[in-house]
N, C-alpha and C. Protein backbone atom coordinates (compact mmCIF):
# COMPACT_ATOMS: atom_id res chain seq x y z
N MET A 1 12.53 -14.14 28.21
CA MET A 1 12.11 -13.35 27.13
C MET A 1 10.48 -13.44 27.16
N ARG A 2 9.91 -12.37 27.17
CA ARG A 2 8.39 -12.23 27.05
C ARG A 2 7.98 -12.43 25.75
N ASP A 3 6.92 -13.21 25.62
CA ASP A 3 6.31 -13.43 24.28
C ASP A 3 5.41 -12.29 23.90
N ARG A 4 5.63 -11.58 22.91
CA ARG A 4 4.91 -10.46 22.36
C ARG A 4 4.05 -10.67 21.19
N SER A 5 3.99 -12.02 20.89
CA SER A 5 3.07 -12.42 19.69
C SER A 5 1.62 -11.98 19.98
N LYS A 6 0.93 -11.88 18.77
CA LYS A 6 -0.51 -11.34 18.94
C LYS A 6 -1.21 -11.53 17.61
N VAL A 7 -2.49 -11.44 17.72
CA VAL A 7 -3.42 -11.60 16.61
C VAL A 7 -4.17 -10.30 16.58
N LEU A 8 -4.28 -9.60 15.45
CA LEU A 8 -5.14 -8.32 15.29
C LEU A 8 -6.41 -8.90 14.47
N LYS A 9 -7.46 -8.92 15.09
CA LYS A 9 -8.71 -9.24 14.44
C LYS A 9 -9.15 -8.18 13.46
N ALA A 10 -9.67 -8.51 12.21
CA ALA A 10 -10.15 -7.63 11.21
C ALA A 10 -11.62 -7.68 11.09
N GLN A 11 -12.17 -6.57 10.88
CA GLN A 11 -13.68 -6.65 10.40
C GLN A 11 -13.76 -5.51 9.43
N ALA A 12 -14.24 -5.92 8.29
CA ALA A 12 -14.53 -5.11 7.23
C ALA A 12 -13.40 -4.10 6.79
N PHE A 13 -12.29 -4.83 6.63
CA PHE A 13 -10.89 -4.40 6.24
C PHE A 13 -10.57 -3.25 7.27
N ARG A 14 -10.88 -3.35 8.46
CA ARG A 14 -10.20 -2.62 9.69
C ARG A 14 -9.77 -3.42 10.70
N TRP A 15 -8.62 -3.13 11.10
CA TRP A 15 -8.00 -4.08 12.08
C TRP A 15 -8.05 -3.48 13.50
N GLN A 16 -8.36 -4.32 14.29
CA GLN A 16 -8.37 -3.48 15.87
C GLN A 16 -7.18 -2.76 16.29
N GLY A 17 -7.46 -1.73 16.89
CA GLY A 17 -6.36 -0.77 17.43
C GLY A 17 -5.43 -0.27 16.49
N VAL A 18 -5.88 -0.31 15.06
CA VAL A 18 -5.13 0.17 13.98
C VAL A 18 -5.67 1.37 13.45
N GLU A 19 -5.24 2.43 13.43
CA GLU A 19 -5.59 3.91 12.95
C GLU A 19 -5.77 3.75 11.42
N VAL A 20 -6.81 4.37 10.93
CA VAL A 20 -6.94 4.56 9.55
C VAL A 20 -6.42 6.04 9.19
N ARG A 21 -5.43 6.24 8.35
CA ARG A 21 -4.90 7.52 8.21
C ARG A 21 -4.97 7.89 6.78
N GLU A 22 -4.71 9.30 6.57
CA GLU A 22 -4.76 9.56 5.13
C GLU A 22 -3.51 9.02 4.38
N TYR A 23 -3.51 8.61 3.20
CA TYR A 23 -2.39 7.97 2.40
C TYR A 23 -1.17 8.80 2.53
N LYS A 24 -1.19 10.02 2.29
CA LYS A 24 0.10 10.87 2.51
C LYS A 24 -0.46 12.34 2.96
N ALA A 25 0.46 12.79 3.84
CA ALA A 25 0.11 13.96 4.45
C ALA A 25 0.95 15.28 3.80
N ASP A 26 1.66 15.06 2.74
CA ASP A 26 2.39 16.05 2.32
C ASP A 26 1.90 16.74 1.00
N GLY A 27 0.63 16.55 0.67
CA GLY A 27 0.14 17.24 -0.51
C GLY A 27 0.36 16.64 -1.70
N ALA A 28 0.89 15.38 -1.80
CA ALA A 28 1.23 14.75 -3.07
C ALA A 28 -0.09 14.47 -3.71
N PRO A 29 0.08 14.44 -5.09
CA PRO A 29 -1.03 14.24 -5.91
C PRO A 29 -1.57 12.78 -5.98
N TYR A 30 -2.89 12.54 -5.29
CA TYR A 30 -3.37 11.28 -5.32
C TYR A 30 -4.80 11.66 -5.05
N LYS A 31 -5.75 10.69 -5.15
CA LYS A 31 -7.16 10.86 -4.85
C LYS A 31 -7.85 9.43 -4.00
N ASP A 32 -8.31 9.90 -3.03
CA ASP A 32 -9.40 8.93 -2.21
C ASP A 32 -8.50 7.73 -1.78
N VAL A 33 -7.43 7.82 -1.18
CA VAL A 33 -6.62 6.77 -0.75
C VAL A 33 -6.34 6.90 0.85
N THR A 34 -6.53 5.73 1.59
CA THR A 34 -6.28 5.58 3.00
C THR A 34 -5.20 4.47 3.35
N ARG A 35 -4.54 4.55 4.44
CA ARG A 35 -3.72 3.52 4.83
C ARG A 35 -3.84 3.17 6.16
N GLN A 36 -3.43 1.90 6.58
CA GLN A 36 -3.31 1.53 7.89
C GLN A 36 -1.93 0.80 7.90
N THR A 37 -1.18 0.93 9.09
CA THR A 37 -0.05 0.10 9.33
C THR A 37 -0.40 -1.01 10.19
N VAL A 38 -0.80 -2.20 9.73
CA VAL A 38 -1.29 -3.21 10.39
C VAL A 38 -0.21 -3.91 11.34
N LEU A 39 0.93 -4.12 10.96
CA LEU A 39 2.08 -4.55 11.64
C LEU A 39 3.33 -4.03 11.50
N GLY A 40 4.04 -3.58 12.52
CA GLY A 40 5.30 -2.95 12.36
C GLY A 40 5.53 -1.64 13.03
N ASP A 41 4.28 -1.08 13.42
CA ASP A 41 4.34 0.32 14.20
C ASP A 41 3.79 -0.06 15.63
N GLY A 42 3.13 -1.03 15.95
CA GLY A 42 2.41 -1.21 17.16
C GLY A 42 3.38 -1.55 18.25
N GLU A 43 2.76 -1.64 19.45
CA GLU A 43 3.52 -2.00 20.64
C GLU A 43 4.06 -3.39 20.67
N GLY A 44 5.28 -3.66 21.03
CA GLY A 44 5.88 -4.81 20.89
C GLY A 44 6.32 -5.27 19.49
N GLU A 45 6.28 -4.61 18.56
CA GLU A 45 6.71 -4.91 17.17
C GLU A 45 8.00 -4.36 16.62
N ALA A 46 8.72 -3.91 17.60
CA ALA A 46 10.06 -3.22 17.12
C ALA A 46 11.08 -4.32 16.42
N ASP A 47 10.76 -5.66 16.80
CA ASP A 47 11.78 -6.59 16.21
C ASP A 47 11.39 -6.86 14.80
N LEU A 48 10.22 -6.34 14.09
CA LEU A 48 10.03 -6.44 12.73
C LEU A 48 10.83 -5.60 12.00
N THR A 49 11.46 -6.16 11.01
CA THR A 49 12.39 -5.41 10.08
C THR A 49 11.48 -4.75 8.85
N PHE A 50 10.23 -5.05 8.92
CA PHE A 50 9.36 -4.43 7.63
C PHE A 50 8.11 -4.05 8.46
N LEU A 51 7.19 -3.45 7.47
CA LEU A 51 5.94 -3.00 7.92
C LEU A 51 4.92 -3.65 6.90
N THR A 52 3.81 -4.07 7.38
CA THR A 52 2.83 -4.55 6.67
C THR A 52 1.65 -3.52 6.70
N ARG A 53 1.34 -2.99 5.64
CA ARG A 53 0.52 -1.76 5.41
C ARG A 53 -0.79 -2.25 4.65
N TYR A 54 -1.94 -1.70 4.80
CA TYR A 54 -3.01 -1.99 4.10
C TYR A 54 -3.46 -0.61 3.47
N PHE A 55 -3.65 -0.56 2.02
CA PHE A 55 -4.12 0.70 1.50
C PHE A 55 -5.44 0.37 0.86
N GLU A 56 -6.31 1.37 0.83
CA GLU A 56 -7.64 1.25 0.27
C GLU A 56 -7.95 2.42 -0.65
N ILE A 57 -8.14 2.15 -1.98
CA ILE A 57 -8.42 3.28 -2.89
C ILE A 57 -9.99 3.10 -3.31
N GLN A 58 -10.42 4.28 -3.05
CA GLN A 58 -12.07 4.34 -3.31
C GLN A 58 -12.14 4.27 -4.89
N PRO A 59 -13.32 3.99 -5.41
CA PRO A 59 -13.44 3.76 -6.96
C PRO A 59 -13.24 5.15 -7.52
N GLY A 60 -12.46 4.94 -8.73
CA GLY A 60 -11.88 6.08 -9.39
C GLY A 60 -10.72 6.71 -8.76
N GLY A 61 -10.30 6.29 -7.74
CA GLY A 61 -9.19 6.97 -6.96
C GLY A 61 -7.81 6.31 -7.45
N TYR A 62 -6.74 7.03 -6.88
CA TYR A 62 -5.34 6.46 -7.51
C TYR A 62 -4.41 7.06 -6.50
N SER A 63 -3.30 6.16 -6.39
CA SER A 63 -2.23 6.54 -5.60
C SER A 63 -1.19 7.58 -6.50
N THR A 64 -0.17 8.06 -5.84
CA THR A 64 0.80 8.93 -6.45
C THR A 64 1.62 8.05 -7.54
N LEU A 65 2.04 8.79 -8.56
CA LEU A 65 2.90 8.07 -9.53
C LEU A 65 4.31 8.49 -8.92
N GLU A 66 4.98 7.38 -8.53
CA GLU A 66 6.23 7.45 -7.99
C GLU A 66 7.14 6.44 -8.01
N ARG A 67 8.45 6.61 -7.56
CA ARG A 67 9.56 5.46 -7.63
C ARG A 67 10.27 5.90 -6.50
N HIS A 68 11.16 4.80 -5.98
CA HIS A 68 12.00 4.73 -4.89
C HIS A 68 13.01 3.81 -4.89
N ARG A 69 14.06 3.69 -4.19
CA ARG A 69 15.06 2.71 -4.26
C ARG A 69 14.70 1.39 -3.47
N HIS A 70 13.66 1.37 -2.79
CA HIS A 70 13.33 0.25 -2.13
C HIS A 70 12.36 -0.69 -2.91
N PRO A 71 12.36 -1.95 -2.76
CA PRO A 71 11.35 -2.79 -3.35
C PRO A 71 10.06 -2.92 -2.34
N HIS A 72 8.97 -3.37 -2.89
CA HIS A 72 7.90 -3.76 -2.20
C HIS A 72 6.94 -4.76 -2.71
N ALA A 73 6.28 -5.52 -1.80
CA ALA A 73 5.50 -6.55 -2.30
C ALA A 73 3.98 -6.26 -1.93
N VAL A 74 3.08 -6.61 -2.92
CA VAL A 74 1.69 -6.14 -2.79
C VAL A 74 0.76 -7.31 -3.00
N VAL A 75 -0.28 -7.56 -2.13
CA VAL A 75 -1.22 -8.66 -2.31
C VAL A 75 -2.48 -8.06 -2.34
N VAL A 76 -3.40 -7.95 -3.47
CA VAL A 76 -4.61 -7.60 -3.50
C VAL A 76 -5.58 -8.39 -2.77
N ILE A 77 -6.35 -7.80 -1.88
CA ILE A 77 -7.27 -8.52 -1.19
C ILE A 77 -8.71 -8.04 -1.23
N ARG A 78 -8.97 -7.12 -2.04
CA ARG A 78 -10.29 -6.36 -2.12
C ARG A 78 -10.37 -5.79 -3.49
N GLY A 79 -11.54 -5.94 -4.08
CA GLY A 79 -11.67 -5.23 -5.37
C GLY A 79 -10.96 -5.49 -6.66
N ARG A 80 -11.07 -4.65 -7.60
CA ARG A 80 -10.32 -4.68 -8.87
C ARG A 80 -9.72 -3.19 -9.14
N GLY A 81 -8.80 -3.52 -10.05
CA GLY A 81 -8.23 -1.91 -10.40
C GLY A 81 -6.98 -2.28 -11.24
N ARG A 82 -6.13 -1.51 -11.40
CA ARG A 82 -4.82 -1.62 -12.34
C ARG A 82 -3.72 -0.92 -11.57
N VAL A 83 -2.55 -1.40 -12.15
CA VAL A 83 -1.29 -1.05 -11.60
C VAL A 83 -0.53 -0.59 -12.73
N ALA A 84 0.15 0.57 -12.89
CA ALA A 84 1.07 0.89 -13.82
C ALA A 84 2.48 0.69 -13.28
N LEU A 85 3.10 -0.16 -14.03
CA LEU A 85 4.53 -0.51 -13.59
C LEU A 85 5.42 -0.07 -14.85
N GLY A 86 6.15 1.02 -14.77
CA GLY A 86 6.98 1.30 -15.90
C GLY A 86 5.91 1.82 -17.10
N GLU A 87 6.23 1.33 -18.26
CA GLU A 87 5.37 1.77 -19.30
C GLU A 87 4.26 0.79 -19.61
N ARG A 88 4.13 -0.23 -18.69
CA ARG A 88 2.98 -1.28 -18.74
C ARG A 88 1.94 -0.96 -17.76
N THR A 89 0.71 -1.34 -17.97
CA THR A 89 -0.32 -1.46 -17.15
C THR A 89 -1.05 -2.65 -17.01
N TYR A 90 -1.31 -3.21 -15.83
CA TYR A 90 -1.91 -4.47 -15.55
C TYR A 90 -3.08 -4.44 -14.71
N ASP A 91 -4.20 -5.25 -15.15
CA ASP A 91 -5.43 -5.26 -14.46
C ASP A 91 -5.10 -6.20 -13.05
N LEU A 92 -5.79 -5.74 -12.01
CA LEU A 92 -5.56 -6.37 -10.61
C LEU A 92 -6.97 -7.02 -10.31
N ALA A 93 -6.91 -8.16 -9.74
CA ALA A 93 -8.09 -8.78 -8.98
C ALA A 93 -7.60 -9.27 -7.59
N PRO A 94 -8.68 -9.65 -6.76
CA PRO A 94 -8.21 -10.39 -5.48
C PRO A 94 -7.23 -11.48 -5.75
N PHE A 95 -6.29 -11.39 -4.79
CA PHE A 95 -5.05 -12.40 -4.63
C PHE A 95 -4.03 -12.36 -5.74
N ASP A 96 -4.23 -11.29 -6.45
CA ASP A 96 -3.00 -11.10 -7.40
C ASP A 96 -1.83 -10.48 -6.69
N CYS A 97 -0.64 -10.73 -7.00
CA CYS A 97 0.37 -10.32 -6.24
C CYS A 97 1.51 -9.39 -7.25
N VAL A 98 1.95 -8.42 -6.63
CA VAL A 98 2.77 -7.37 -7.48
C VAL A 98 4.02 -7.27 -6.83
N TYR A 99 5.13 -7.35 -7.52
CA TYR A 99 6.49 -6.93 -7.03
C TYR A 99 6.87 -5.75 -7.68
N VAL A 100 7.09 -4.65 -6.96
CA VAL A 100 7.77 -3.36 -7.34
C VAL A 100 9.10 -3.46 -7.22
N ALA A 101 9.85 -3.48 -8.24
CA ALA A 101 11.34 -3.58 -8.21
C ALA A 101 11.77 -2.12 -7.76
N PRO A 102 13.05 -2.02 -7.18
CA PRO A 102 13.73 -0.87 -6.83
C PRO A 102 13.90 0.12 -8.06
N GLY A 103 13.27 1.31 -7.99
CA GLY A 103 13.47 2.18 -9.11
C GLY A 103 12.29 2.15 -10.04
N ALA A 104 11.32 1.28 -10.06
CA ALA A 104 10.22 1.06 -10.88
C ALA A 104 9.25 2.31 -10.76
N VAL A 105 8.91 2.98 -11.75
CA VAL A 105 7.64 3.90 -11.62
C VAL A 105 6.43 3.17 -11.38
N HIS A 106 5.68 3.49 -10.62
CA HIS A 106 4.49 2.84 -10.32
C HIS A 106 3.25 3.57 -9.75
N GLN A 107 2.09 3.26 -10.13
CA GLN A 107 0.85 3.87 -9.62
C GLN A 107 -0.36 2.86 -9.54
N PHE A 108 -1.13 2.91 -8.58
CA PHE A 108 -2.25 2.07 -8.30
C PHE A 108 -3.50 2.91 -8.51
N GLU A 109 -4.57 2.10 -9.18
CA GLU A 109 -5.80 2.80 -9.39
C GLU A 109 -7.01 1.98 -9.24
N ALA A 110 -8.18 2.32 -8.52
CA ALA A 110 -9.23 1.52 -8.29
C ALA A 110 -10.17 1.59 -9.49
N SER A 111 -10.89 0.49 -9.79
CA SER A 111 -11.82 0.46 -10.85
C SER A 111 -13.05 1.21 -10.60
N ALA A 112 -13.94 1.76 -11.37
CA ALA A 112 -15.23 2.21 -10.88
C ALA A 112 -16.06 1.30 -10.12
N GLY A 113 -16.78 1.61 -9.25
CA GLY A 113 -17.83 0.68 -8.65
C GLY A 113 -17.40 -0.19 -7.45
N GLU A 114 -16.09 -0.16 -7.09
CA GLU A 114 -15.67 -0.74 -5.90
C GLU A 114 -14.32 -0.51 -5.50
N PRO A 115 -14.02 -0.39 -4.07
CA PRO A 115 -12.67 0.00 -3.72
C PRO A 115 -11.57 -1.13 -4.04
N LEU A 116 -10.44 -0.66 -4.15
CA LEU A 116 -9.37 -1.57 -4.47
C LEU A 116 -8.45 -1.47 -3.06
N GLY A 117 -8.37 -2.64 -2.39
CA GLY A 117 -7.53 -2.80 -1.04
C GLY A 117 -6.50 -3.90 -1.20
N PHE A 118 -5.36 -3.49 -0.83
CA PHE A 118 -4.16 -4.37 -0.81
C PHE A 118 -3.29 -4.26 0.22
N LEU A 119 -2.53 -5.32 0.83
CA LEU A 119 -1.58 -5.34 1.71
C LEU A 119 -0.28 -4.98 0.86
N CYS A 120 0.47 -4.18 1.54
CA CYS A 120 1.81 -3.63 0.93
C CYS A 120 2.97 -3.95 1.98
N ILE A 121 4.07 -4.74 1.65
CA ILE A 121 5.04 -5.03 2.66
C ILE A 121 6.28 -4.35 2.21
N VAL A 122 6.78 -3.53 3.09
CA VAL A 122 8.10 -2.83 2.80
C VAL A 122 9.09 -2.83 4.11
N ASP A 123 10.30 -2.46 3.68
CA ASP A 123 11.36 -2.49 4.75
C ASP A 123 10.95 -1.38 5.77
N ARG A 124 11.17 -1.62 6.95
CA ARG A 124 10.98 -0.42 8.02
C ARG A 124 11.76 0.68 7.62
N VAL A 125 13.05 0.57 7.38
CA VAL A 125 13.88 1.65 7.15
C VAL A 125 14.14 1.64 5.51
N ARG A 126 13.60 2.77 4.98
CA ARG A 126 13.73 2.85 3.54
C ARG A 126 13.88 4.24 3.15
N ASP A 127 13.94 4.51 1.73
CA ASP A 127 14.14 5.83 1.24
C ASP A 127 12.76 6.48 1.03
N ARG A 128 12.59 7.61 0.86
CA ARG A 128 11.40 8.53 0.51
C ARG A 128 11.11 8.47 -0.92
N PRO A 129 9.70 8.14 -1.29
CA PRO A 129 9.32 8.17 -2.61
C PRO A 129 9.73 9.44 -3.40
N GLU A 130 9.90 9.35 -4.73
CA GLU A 130 10.20 10.42 -5.54
C GLU A 130 8.92 10.55 -6.60
N LEU A 131 8.20 11.73 -6.42
CA LEU A 131 7.18 11.87 -7.61
C LEU A 131 7.61 12.02 -8.85
N VAL A 132 6.82 11.40 -9.75
CA VAL A 132 7.13 11.39 -11.30
C VAL A 132 6.09 12.05 -11.93
N THR A 133 6.33 12.73 -12.94
CA THR A 133 5.46 13.22 -13.95
C THR A 133 5.53 12.54 -15.10
N ARG A 134 4.31 12.18 -15.78
CA ARG A 134 4.37 11.51 -17.03
C ARG A 134 4.25 12.47 -18.13
N GLU A 135 4.99 12.18 -19.15
CA GLU A 135 5.08 13.11 -20.23
C GLU A 135 3.86 13.02 -21.30
N PRO A 136 3.11 13.95 -21.64
CA PRO A 136 2.17 13.91 -22.46
C PRO A 136 2.28 13.21 -23.88
């Protein structure tokens, strides 16, 4: 069996050979977010049952307000911001960890002045997010 192990070098929150993409291509409501699939979509990574993705939200930007049936784990590695989980909001700083439980409504937002960057680990096979609208 051939060893497909590898190391992806990073510089300035960009990993070698990994494309920076728009957060979502379906017109969902978000502002100033990009994503990179660091591990799980690359050559020789088919054995991984999960994806390791990096999201970066520019100052004042935010992800979609959504929920889905799959859980995910988040580790903040850059900047500060907030996460809305259900009815509560939590401040985030580097190395804070977030567990988003199945069905939890959630949204990430960067603070003014610096990008919020985080690793997000999800199952490779998972359901699609459902957009949520907050009641006024």
